[in-house]
Amino acid sequence: GERLLLTLSKLAVACFCTAGAALCLPFAGLGAADNTSGALLLTFMVTFNVADAWICVLDAAVEAIFLCFLVDQAENDGDLLPYYASASLRRYMERHKPTYVLPSRSVEWGV
C-alpha cells in the first residue's frame, strides 16, 4: 500500500512536469526538425528521478519520526520520565492506533 502510493506520487510529479514542458515547447522557438518527443522523454526521466530522490528522503524522515516516537514510548513513562514527543504527535498516534494485534511468535512457530 505505502510503496504503491509513493510510486504513484512520483509518477504524478513526473507527468505534471512533462505536461508543463509540453505546453512550453511551442514557445521555445524550435524548428520542425527538432525532436520534441525526445526532449519530453528526457524531461519525464529526469523529473521522475528527482521526485524519487525527494520522496525517498521524505519517507526516511517520516519513518525516523515514528521510530523515535516508539523508542520514546518504550523508554519513558510520561510521569517520572517525561515524553520527548510533542503533544500533537502523541494525539495523532493515539487517534490512529491500529485495530489489529500482531500474532505472538509462539503462535506463529507453533511453540
Foldseek 3Di string as FASTA:
>chain_A
DVVVVLLVVLQVQLVVQLVVVVVCVVVPPDDPPDDVVVVSVVSSVVSSVVSVVVVVVVVVVVVVVVVLQVVQVVPADCPPRNGPDDPVVVVVCVVDPDPDDDDDPCVVVVD
